[in-house]
Amino acid sequence: MQLALPVIWPRAAGIERKNSRELMRMREAGQIVALALAEVRHHIRPGVTTKALDEIAERVITRHNAWPAFKGYPGPYPFPATTCISINEELVHGLPGERVVRDGDLVSVDCGVAHHGFYSDAAFSVGVGECSALVKKLLAVTESALSAGIAMMRPGKRLGDVSAAIQKHVESHGFHVVDEYRSHGIGRQMHENPLIPNFGRAGTGLVLRPGMTLAIEPMVLVGTPKTRTLPDQWTVVAEDGSLTAHFEHTIAVTEDAPEILTAR
């Protein structure tokens, strides 16, 4: 889940590094997120409502004795659902409801879980039925941008390396990264330090250390980096109405390769 800037982070004093027990708890939460998103993805088809998809995710989460971390999240008013489900020009924070998914739509689903005092957060985008070449390209570029960012999450690298890798990959394909919304630290709270833009300069920023846990989430727009918020006060859309996509994983920096805590 994304938040607009400026944000006052609860753990403004510094970056918390997790020990092996804490990482185990985050891994457990991450697996529940992965299961919920997999079940939702299985049910995305023309004719299904976003409310029905949201209910599927909540059933998976509660069946595993976890809590849907987005539900009640503070904002203009408490977030009313388990997932954010955003379609086509909707970038993030889409409110599940009676909207029906249609053939050709691009659907993004974001989900967070709290379990035994720790959080994990992940998202995916998918094309429904017969999709355009542009939808397919946007999905491929956004998902591979996430992979490019994750590949930089090794000890000694810097946050700017992660941001720059995402930006370079997206812009090399003619698309845009969002200005207002950022990736973030995660652990005992859904949003912790640091705040991580999806654009930046390599070799700058905080040095990555083992035990750091970050939710990396490139959000990509076809026509413009600018967004606006709909009258529901939550749903963020591309300002020009063009297509958008969003992928996310919760990642742990380890002594070796980065660990994707929300991978199935």
C-alpha atoms as a PDB file:
ATOM      1  CA  MET A   1       0.000   0.000   0.000  1.00  0.00           C
ATOM      2  CA  GLN A   2       1.227   3.443  -0.914  1.00  0.00           C
ATOM      3  CA  LEU A   3       0.912   6.766   0.837  1.00  0.00           C
ATOM      4  CA  ALA A   4       1.251  10.233  -0.645  1.00  0.00           C
ATOM      5  CA  LEU A   5       3.931  12.596   0.568  1.00  0.00           C
ATOM      6  CA  PRO A   6       4.490  14.299   2.901  1.00  0.00           C
ATOM      7  CA  VAL A   7       4.342  11.511   5.473  1.00  0.00           C
ATOM      8  CA  ILE A   8       5.336  11.559   9.129  1.00  0.00           C
ATOM      9  CA  TRP A   9       6.729   8.074   9.647  1.00  0.00           C
ATOM     10  CA  PRO A  10       6.068   6.416  13.037  1.00  0.00           C
ATOM     11  CA  ARG A  11       9.694   5.254  13.332  1.00  0.00           C
ATOM     12  CA  ALA A  12      11.311   8.489  12.266  1.00  0.00           C
ATOM     13  CA  ALA A  13      14.312   7.884  14.548  1.00  0.00           C
ATOM     14  CA  GLY A  14      15.912   5.243  12.299  1.00  0.00           C
ATOM     15  CA  ILE A  15      15.811   1.968  10.414  1.00  0.00           C
ATOM     16  CA  GLU A  16      14.981  -1.199  12.292  1.00  0.00           C
ATOM     17  CA  ARG A  17      16.943  -4.321  11.276  1.00  0.00           C
ATOM     18  CA  LYS A  18      15.176  -7.607  11.953  1.00  0.00           C
ATOM     19  CA  ASN A  19      16.770 -10.614  13.614  1.00  0.00           C
ATOM     20  CA  SER A  20      16.184 -14.218  12.499  1.00  0.00           C
ATOM     21  CA  ARG A  21      13.084 -14.686  14.701  1.00  0.00           C
ATOM     22  CA  GLU A  22      11.542 -11.468  13.451  1.00  0.00           C
ATOM     23  CA  LEU A  23      12.278 -12.394   9.854  1.00  0.00           C
ATOM     24  CA  MET A  24      10.578 -15.738  10.444  1.00  0.00           C
ATOM     25  CA  ARG A  25       7.431 -13.885  11.580  1.00  0.00           C
ATOM     26  CA  MET A  26       7.552 -11.621   8.533  1.00  0.00           C
ATOM     27  CA  ARG A  27       8.039 -14.651   6.305  1.00  0.00           C
ATOM     28  CA  GLU A  28       4.901 -16.208   7.809  1.00  0.00           C
ATOM     29  CA  ALA A  29       2.928 -13.023   7.161  1.00  0.00           C
ATOM     30  CA  GLY A  30       4.350 -12.870   3.660  1.00  0.00           C
ATOM     31  CA  GLN A  31       3.200 -16.374   2.840  1.00  0.00           C
ATOM     32  CA  ILE A  32      -0.344 -15.512   3.908  1.00  0.00           C
ATOM     33  CA  VAL A  33      -0.270 -12.449   1.631  1.00  0.00           C
ATOM     34  CA  ALA A  34       0.996 -14.650  -1.200  1.00  0.00           C
ATOM     35  CA  LEU A  35      -1.786 -17.192  -0.669  1.00  0.00           C
ATOM     36  CA  ALA A  36      -4.468 -14.489  -0.554  1.00  0.00           C
ATOM     37  CA  LEU A  37      -3.226 -12.852  -3.753  1.00  0.00           C
ATOM     38  CA  ALA A  38      -2.920 -16.193  -5.541  1.00  0.00           C
ATOM     39  CA  GLU A  39      -6.522 -17.045  -4.682  1.00  0.00           C
ATOM     40  CA  VAL A  40      -7.737 -13.637  -5.855  1.00  0.00           C
ATOM     41  CA  ARG A  41      -5.779 -13.964  -9.087  1.00  0.00           C
ATOM     42  CA  HIS A  42      -7.350 -17.361  -9.716  1.00  0.00           C
ATOM     43  CA  HIS A  43     -10.822 -15.794  -9.545  1.00  0.00           C
ATOM     44  CA  ILE A  44     -10.186 -12.693 -11.696  1.00  0.00           C
ATOM     45  CA  ARG A  45     -12.310 -13.056 -14.812  1.00  0.00           C
ATOM     46  CA  PRO A  46     -14.914 -11.070 -16.725  1.00  0.00           C
ATOM     47  CA  GLY A  47     -18.107 -10.675 -14.701  1.00  0.00           C
ATOM     48  CA  VAL A  48     -16.643 -10.864 -11.187  1.00  0.00           C
ATOM     49  CA  THR A  49     -17.066  -7.838  -8.930  1.00  0.00           C
ATOM     50  CA  THR A  50     -14.163  -6.253  -7.093  1.00  0.00           C
ATOM     51  CA  LYS A  51     -16.119  -6.746  -3.856  1.00  0.00           C
ATOM     52  CA  ALA A  52     -16.236 -10.504  -4.465  1.00  0.00           C
ATOM     53  CA  LEU A  53     -12.473 -10.566  -5.039  1.00  0.00           C
ATOM     54  CA  ASP A  54     -11.912  -8.610  -1.827  1.00  0.00           C
ATOM     55  CA  GLU A  55     -14.022 -11.085   0.134  1.00  0.00           C
ATOM     56  CA  ILE A  56     -11.940 -13.962  -1.225  1.00  0.00           C
ATOM     57  CA  ALA A  57      -8.741 -12.347   0.064  1.00  0.00           C
ATOM     58  CA  GLU A  58     -10.237 -11.716   3.492  1.00  0.00           C
ATOM     59  CA  ARG A  59     -11.376 -15.325   3.833  1.00  0.00           C
ATOM     60  CA  VAL A  60      -7.861 -16.596   3.100  1.00  0.00           C
ATOM     61  CA  ILE A  61      -6.288 -14.189   5.577  1.00  0.00           C
ATOM     62  CA  THR A  62      -8.678 -14.865   8.451  1.00  0.00           C
ATOM     63  CA  ARG A  63      -8.497 -18.624   7.832  1.00  0.00           C
ATOM     64  CA  HIS A  64      -4.791 -18.339   8.663  1.00  0.00           C
ATOM     65  CA  ASN A  65      -5.499 -16.417  11.893  1.00  0.00           C
ATOM     66  CA  ALA A  66      -4.088 -13.205  10.474  1.00  0.00           C
ATOM     67  CA  TRP A  67      -5.505  -9.714  10.125  1.00  0.00           C
ATOM     68  CA  PRO A  68      -6.074  -7.787   6.868  1.00  0.00           C
ATOM     69  CA  ALA A  69      -3.717  -4.897   7.483  1.00  0.00           C
ATOM     70  CA  PHE A  70      -5.388  -2.437   5.115  1.00  0.00           C
ATOM     71  CA  LYS A  71      -8.800  -2.693   6.763  1.00  0.00           C
ATOM     72  CA  GLY A  72      -9.334   0.402   8.894  1.00  0.00           C
ATOM     73  CA  TYR A  73      -6.047   1.965   7.758  1.00  0.00           C
ATOM     74  CA  PRO A  74      -6.149   5.699   8.601  1.00  0.00           C
ATOM     75  CA  GLY A  75      -6.625   8.174   5.804  1.00  0.00           C
ATOM     76  CA  PRO A  76      -9.344  10.599   4.754  1.00  0.00           C
ATOM     77  CA  TYR A  77     -11.525   7.956   6.457  1.00  0.00           C
ATOM     78  CA  PRO A  78     -10.621   4.417   7.582  1.00  0.00           C
ATOM     79  CA  PHE A  79      -9.943   2.207   4.567  1.00  0.00           C
ATOM     80  CA  PRO A  80     -13.031  -0.019   4.268  1.00  0.00           C
ATOM     81  CA  ALA A  81     -11.624  -3.151   2.622  1.00  0.00           C
ATOM     82  CA  THR A  82      -9.019  -5.911   2.811  1.00  0.00           C
ATOM     83  CA  THR A  83      -7.488  -5.150  -0.577  1.00  0.00           C
ATOM     84  CA  CYS A  84      -6.955  -2.226  -2.894  1.00  0.00           C
ATOM     85  CA  ILE A  85      -8.309  -3.196  -6.322  1.00  0.00           C
ATOM     86  CA  SER A  86      -7.532  -0.731  -9.084  1.00  0.00           C
ATOM     87  CA  ILE A  87      -8.563  -1.054 -12.746  1.00  0.00           C
ATOM     88  CA  ASN A  88      -6.993   0.432 -15.896  1.00  0.00           C
ATOM     89  CA  GLU A  89      -6.275   4.131 -15.178  1.00  0.00           C
ATOM     90  CA  GLU A  90      -6.608   3.546 -11.416  1.00  0.00           C
ATOM     91  CA  LEU A  91      -3.088   3.345 -10.013  1.00  0.00           C
ATOM     92  CA  VAL A  92      -3.523   2.523  -6.311  1.00  0.00           C
ATOM     93  CA  HIS A  93      -6.015   2.522  -3.436  1.00  0.00           C
ATOM     94  CA  GLY A  94      -9.002   1.467  -5.534  1.00  0.00           C
ATOM     95  CA  LEU A  95     -12.017   0.710  -3.322  1.00  0.00           C
ATOM     96  CA  PRO A  96     -13.583  -2.728  -3.874  1.00  0.00           C
ATOM     97  CA  GLY A  97     -17.299  -2.577  -4.587  1.00  0.00           C
ATOM     98  CA  GLU A  98     -19.905  -3.437  -7.205  1.00  0.00           C
ATOM     99  CA  ARG A  99     -17.676  -2.628 -10.188  1.00  0.00           C
ATOM    100  CA  VAL A 100     -17.567  -5.572 -12.607  1.00  0.00           C
ATOM    101  CA  VAL A 101     -14.293  -6.709 -14.166  1.00  0.00           C
ATOM    102  CA  ARG A 102     -14.508  -6.751 -17.963  1.00  0.00           C
ATOM    103  CA  ASP A 103     -12.644  -8.484 -20.750  1.00  0.00           C
ATOM    104  CA  GLY A 104      -9.503  -6.520 -21.631  1.00  0.00           C
ATOM    105  CA  ASP A 105      -9.210  -4.782 -18.258  1.00  0.00           C
ATOM    106  CA  LEU A 106      -5.903  -4.365 -16.437  1.00  0.00           C
ATOM    107  CA  VAL A 107      -6.532  -5.170 -12.769  1.00  0.00           C
ATOM    108  CA  SER A 108      -4.115  -4.368  -9.918  1.00  0.00           C
ATOM    109  CA  VAL A 109      -4.547  -5.954  -6.489  1.00  0.00           C
ATOM    110  CA  ASP A 110      -2.641  -4.815  -3.380  1.00  0.00           C
ATOM    111  CA  CYS A 111      -2.861  -6.673  -0.070  1.00  0.00           C
ATOM    112  CA  GLY A 112      -1.247  -6.486   3.384  1.00  0.00           C
ATOM    113  CA  VAL A 113      -1.308  -8.847   6.355  1.00  0.00           C
ATOM    114  CA  ALA A 114      -0.537  -8.486  10.055  1.00  0.00           C
ATOM    115  CA  HIS A 115       0.448 -11.733  11.785  1.00  0.00           C
ATOM    116  CA  HIS A 116       1.999 -12.190  15.235  1.00  0.00           C
ATOM    117  CA  GLY A 117       2.989  -8.530  15.371  1.00  0.00           C
ATOM    118  CA  PHE A 118       4.624  -8.254  11.944  1.00  0.00           C
ATOM    119  CA  TYR A 119       3.479  -7.078   8.525  1.00  0.00           C
ATOM    120  CA  SER A 120       3.992  -8.022   4.907  1.00  0.00           C
ATOM    121  CA  ASP A 121       2.686  -6.278   1.797  1.00  0.00           C
ATOM    122  CA  ALA A 122       2.493  -7.297  -1.884  1.00  0.00           C
ATOM    123  CA  ALA A 123       0.688  -6.471  -5.110  1.00  0.00           C
ATOM    124  CA  PHE A 124       0.292  -7.708  -8.656  1.00  0.00           C
ATOM    125  CA  SER A 125      -1.325  -6.559 -11.884  1.00  0.00           C
ATOM    126  CA  VAL A 126      -2.904  -8.820 -14.488  1.00  0.00           C
ATOM    127  CA  GLY A 127      -4.671  -8.540 -17.815  1.00  0.00           C
ATOM    128  CA  VAL A 128      -8.154 -10.039 -18.083  1.00  0.00           C
ATOM    129  CA  GLY A 129      -9.131 -12.112 -21.109  1.00  0.00           C
ATOM    130  CA  GLU A 130      -8.151 -10.677 -24.491  1.00  0.00           C
ATOM    131  CA  CYS A 131      -5.845  -7.753 -23.696  1.00  0.00           C
ATOM    132  CA  SER A 132      -4.199  -5.186 -25.928  1.00  0.00           C
ATOM    133  CA  ALA A 133      -0.508  -5.252 -26.808  1.00  0.00           C
ATOM    134  CA  LEU A 134      -0.087  -2.131 -24.678  1.00  0.00           C
ATOM    135  CA  VAL A 135      -1.520  -3.874 -21.597  1.00  0.00           C
ATOM    136  CA  LYS A 136       0.816  -6.818 -22.118  1.00  0.00           C
ATOM    137  CA  LYS A 137       3.855  -4.562 -22.542  1.00  0.00           C
ATOM    138  CA  LEU A 138       2.985  -2.463 -19.484  1.00  0.00           C
ATOM    139  CA  LEU A 139       2.579  -5.556 -17.319  1.00  0.00           C
ATOM    140  CA  ALA A 140       5.896  -7.016 -18.479  1.00  0.00           C
ATOM    141  CA  VAL A 141       7.804  -3.764 -17.976  1.00  0.00           C
ATOM    142  CA  THR A 142       6.369  -3.085 -14.505  1.00  0.00           C
ATOM    143  CA  GLU A 143       7.030  -6.603 -13.221  1.00  0.00           C
ATOM    144  CA  SER A 144      10.568  -6.633 -14.600  1.00  0.00           C
ATOM    145  CA  ALA A 145      11.161  -3.188 -13.044  1.00  0.00           C
ATOM    146  CA  LEU A 146      10.362  -4.751  -9.682  1.00  0.00           C
ATOM    147  CA  SER A 147      12.888  -7.507 -10.412  1.00  0.00           C
ATOM    148  CA  ALA A 148      15.486  -4.886 -11.350  1.00  0.00           C
ATOM    149  CA  GLY A 149      14.967  -3.068  -8.052  1.00  0.00           C
ATOM    150  CA  ILE A 150      15.091  -6.266  -6.008  1.00  0.00           C
ATOM    151  CA  ALA A 151      18.367  -7.281  -7.674  1.00  0.00           C
ATOM    152  CA  MET A 152      20.003  -4.179  -6.167  1.00  0.00           C
ATOM    153  CA  MET A 153      19.037  -5.116  -2.593  1.00  0.00           C
ATOM    154  CA  ARG A 154      22.367  -6.505  -1.451  1.00  0.00           C
ATOM    155  CA  PRO A 155      24.569  -5.446   1.473  1.00  0.00           C
ATOM    156  CA  GLY A 156      26.640  -2.401   0.592  1.00  0.00           C
ATOM    157  CA  LYS A 157      24.304  -1.201  -2.133  1.00  0.00           C
ATOM    158  CA  ARG A 158      22.358   2.014  -1.540  1.00  0.00           C
ATOM    159  CA  LEU A 159      18.698   2.902  -1.753  1.00  0.00           C
ATOM    160  CA  GLY A 160      19.517   5.098  -4.740  1.00  0.00           C
ATOM    161  CA  ASP A 161      20.701   1.986  -6.574  1.00  0.00           C
ATOM    162  CA  VAL A 162      17.266   0.395  -6.084  1.00  0.00           C
ATOM    163  CA  SER A 163      15.418   3.531  -7.177  1.00  0.00           C
ATOM    164  CA  ALA A 164      17.657   4.168 -10.170  1.00  0.00           C
ATOM    165  CA  ALA A 165      17.329   0.587 -11.419  1.00  0.00           C
ATOM    166  CA  ILE A 166      13.539   0.842 -11.378  1.00  0.00           C
ATOM    167  CA  GLN A 167      13.478   4.241 -13.067  1.00  0.00           C
ATOM    168  CA  LYS A 168      15.991   3.295 -15.760  1.00  0.00           C
ATOM    169  CA  HIS A 169      14.114   0.154 -16.699  1.00  0.00           C
ATOM    170  CA  VAL A 170      10.707   1.848 -16.854  1.00  0.00           C
ATOM    171  CA  GLU A 171      11.821   4.911 -18.772  1.00  0.00           C
ATOM    172  CA  SER A 172      13.847   2.849 -21.245  1.00  0.00           C
ATOM    173  CA  HIS A 173      10.515   1.439 -22.428  1.00  0.00           C
ATOM    174  CA  GLY A 174       8.873   4.853 -22.757  1.00  0.00           C
ATOM    175  CA  PHE A 175       6.759   4.682 -19.586  1.00  0.00           C
ATOM    176  CA  HIS A 176       6.746   6.783 -16.404  1.00  0.00           C
ATOM    177  CA  VAL A 177       7.213   6.128 -12.686  1.00  0.00           C
ATOM    178  CA  VAL A 178       4.842   7.908 -10.331  1.00  0.00           C
ATOM    179  CA  ASP A 179       6.060  11.045  -8.549  1.00  0.00           C
ATOM    180  CA  GLU A 180       3.862  11.176  -5.444  1.00  0.00           C
ATOM    181  CA  TYR A 181       3.957   7.600  -4.127  1.00  0.00           C
ATOM    182  CA  ARG A 182       6.905   5.640  -2.781  1.00  0.00           C
ATOM    183  CA  SER A 183       8.092   2.229  -1.639  1.00  0.00           C
ATOM    184  CA  HIS A 184       8.694   1.927   2.108  1.00  0.00           C
ATOM    185  CA  GLY A 185      10.195   0.074   5.016  1.00  0.00           C
ATOM    186  CA  ILE A 186       7.981  -2.524   6.699  1.00  0.00           C
ATOM    187  CA  GLY A 187       8.088  -4.742   9.777  1.00  0.00           C
ATOM    188  CA  ARG A 188       6.368  -4.126  13.088  1.00  0.00           C
ATOM    189  CA  GLN A 189       4.266  -1.548  11.264  1.00  0.00           C
ATOM    190  CA  MET A 190       2.926  -1.432   7.731  1.00  0.00           C
ATOM    191  CA  HIS A 191       4.922   1.708   6.994  1.00  0.00           C
ATOM    192  CA  GLU A 192       8.358   2.191   8.523  1.00  0.00           C
ATOM    193  CA  ASN A 193      11.465   4.074   7.485  1.00  0.00           C
ATOM    194  CA  PRO A 194      12.946   4.411   4.942  1.00  0.00           C
ATOM    195  CA  LEU A 195      10.841   6.063   2.259  1.00  0.00           C
ATOM    196  CA  ILE A 196      12.013   4.883  -1.184  1.00  0.00           C
ATOM    197  CA  PRO A 197      11.158   6.700  -4.422  1.00  0.00           C
ATOM    198  CA  ASN A 198      10.906   4.761  -7.671  1.00  0.00           C
ATOM    199  CA  PHE A 199      13.315   7.256  -9.217  1.00  0.00           C
ATOM    200  CA  GLY A 200      16.774   8.363  -8.114  1.00  0.00           C
ATOM    201  CA  ARG A 201      20.505   8.408  -8.624  1.00  0.00           C
ATOM    202  CA  ALA A 202      22.680   5.324  -8.221  1.00  0.00           C
ATOM    203  CA  GLY A 203      25.303   5.453  -5.476  1.00  0.00           C
ATOM    204  CA  THR A 204      23.269   7.751  -3.227  1.00  0.00           C
ATOM    205  CA  GLY A 205      21.133   7.263  -0.157  1.00  0.00           C
ATOM    206  CA  LEU A 206      21.118   4.864   2.767  1.00  0.00           C
ATOM    207  CA  VAL A 207      23.493   1.894   2.680  1.00  0.00           C
ATOM    208  CA  LEU A 208      21.615  -1.432   2.753  1.00  0.00           C
ATOM    209  CA  ARG A 209      22.413  -3.801   5.631  1.00  0.00           C
ATOM    210  CA  PRO A 210      21.311  -7.375   6.412  1.00  0.00           C
ATOM    211  CA  GLY A 211      18.043  -7.444   8.337  1.00  0.00           C
ATOM    212  CA  MET A 212      16.491  -4.465   6.599  1.00  0.00           C
ATOM    213  CA  THR A 213      13.015  -5.220   5.239  1.00  0.00           C
ATOM    214  CA  LEU A 214      11.497  -3.121   2.466  1.00  0.00           C
ATOM    215  CA  ALA A 215       8.281  -3.170   0.457  1.00  0.00           C
ATOM    216  CA  ILE A 216       9.426  -2.364  -3.076  1.00  0.00           C
ATOM    217  CA  GLU A 217       6.588  -1.366  -5.396  1.00  0.00           C
ATOM    218  CA  PRO A 218       7.107   0.227  -8.783  1.00  0.00           C
ATOM    219  CA  MET A 219       3.953   1.900 -10.066  1.00  0.00           C
ATOM    220  CA  VAL A 220       4.101   2.667 -13.748  1.00  0.00           C
ATOM    221  CA  LEU A 221       1.993   4.948 -15.934  1.00  0.00           C
ATOM    222  CA  VAL A 222       1.765   4.978 -19.731  1.00  0.00           C
ATOM    223  CA  GLY A 223       1.128   8.636 -20.450  1.00  0.00           C
ATOM    224  CA  THR A 224       2.181  10.824 -17.534  1.00  0.00           C
ATOM    225  CA  PRO A 225       3.803  10.625 -14.088  1.00  0.00           C
ATOM    226  CA  LYS A 226       1.030  12.826 -12.673  1.00  0.00           C
ATOM    227  CA  THR A 227      -1.953  11.558 -10.710  1.00  0.00           C
ATOM    228  CA  ARG A 228      -5.128  12.820  -9.085  1.00  0.00           C
ATOM    229  CA  THR A 229      -7.417  11.427  -6.385  1.00  0.00           C
ATOM    230  CA  LEU A 230     -11.069  10.642  -7.121  1.00  0.00           C
ATOM    231  CA  PRO A 231     -13.938  12.070  -5.024  1.00  0.00           C
ATOM    232  CA  ASP A 232     -14.008   8.865  -2.922  1.00  0.00           C
ATOM    233  CA  GLN A 233     -10.783  10.357  -1.421  1.00  0.00           C
ATOM    234  CA  TRP A 234      -8.852   7.095  -1.789  1.00  0.00           C
ATOM    235  CA  THR A 235      -8.638   5.990  -5.428  1.00  0.00           C
ATOM    236  CA  VAL A 236      -5.607   7.433  -7.239  1.00  0.00           C
ATOM    237  CA  VAL A 237      -5.772   7.616 -11.044  1.00  0.00           C
ATOM    238  CA  ALA A 238      -3.484   8.716 -13.851  1.00  0.00           C
ATOM    239  CA  GLU A 239      -4.164  12.380 -14.470  1.00  0.00           C
ATOM    240  CA  ASP A 240      -4.545  11.802 -18.205  1.00  0.00           C
ATOM    241  CA  GLY A 241      -6.636   8.635 -17.873  1.00  0.00           C
ATOM    242  CA  SER A 242      -3.960   6.371 -19.344  1.00  0.00           C
ATOM    243  CA  LEU A 243      -3.199   2.817 -18.247  1.00  0.00           C
ATOM    244  CA  THR A 244      -1.267   2.036 -15.064  1.00  0.00           C
ATOM    245  CA  ALA A 245       0.248  -1.051 -13.404  1.00  0.00           C
ATOM    246  CA  HIS A 246       1.595  -1.926  -9.957  1.00  0.00           C
ATOM    247  CA  PHE A 247       3.728  -4.798  -8.648  1.00  0.00           C
ATOM    248  CA  GLU A 248       5.110  -5.188  -5.119  1.00  0.00           C
ATOM    249  CA  HIS A 249       6.985  -7.614  -2.878  1.00  0.00           C
ATOM    250  CA  THR A 250       8.231  -7.432   0.692  1.00  0.00           C
ATOM    251  CA  ILE A 251      11.982  -8.078   0.595  1.00  0.00           C
ATOM    252  CA  ALA A 252      14.594  -8.831   3.250  1.00  0.00           C
ATOM    253  CA  VAL A 253      18.209  -7.816   2.748  1.00  0.00           C
ATOM    254  CA  THR A 254      20.371 -10.809   3.722  1.00  0.00           C
ATOM    255  CA  GLU A 255      24.107 -11.522   3.825  1.00  0.00           C
ATOM    256  CA  ASP A 256      23.741 -12.853   0.289  1.00  0.00           C
ATOM    257  CA  ALA A 257      20.862 -12.529  -2.176  1.00  0.00           C
ATOM    258  CA  PRO A 258      17.683 -10.605  -1.308  1.00  0.00           C
ATOM    259  CA  GLU A 259      14.870 -12.785   0.043  1.00  0.00           C
ATOM    260  CA  ILE A 260      11.356 -12.232  -1.304  1.00  0.00           C
ATOM    261  CA  LEU A 261       9.186 -12.782   1.777  1.00  0.00           C
ATOM    262  CA  THR A 262       5.937 -12.598  -0.192  1.00  0.00           C
ATOM    263  CA  ALA A 263       6.857 -15.135  -2.899  1.00  0.00           C
ATOM    264  CA  ARG A 264       4.835 -18.342  -2.874  1.00  0.00           C
END
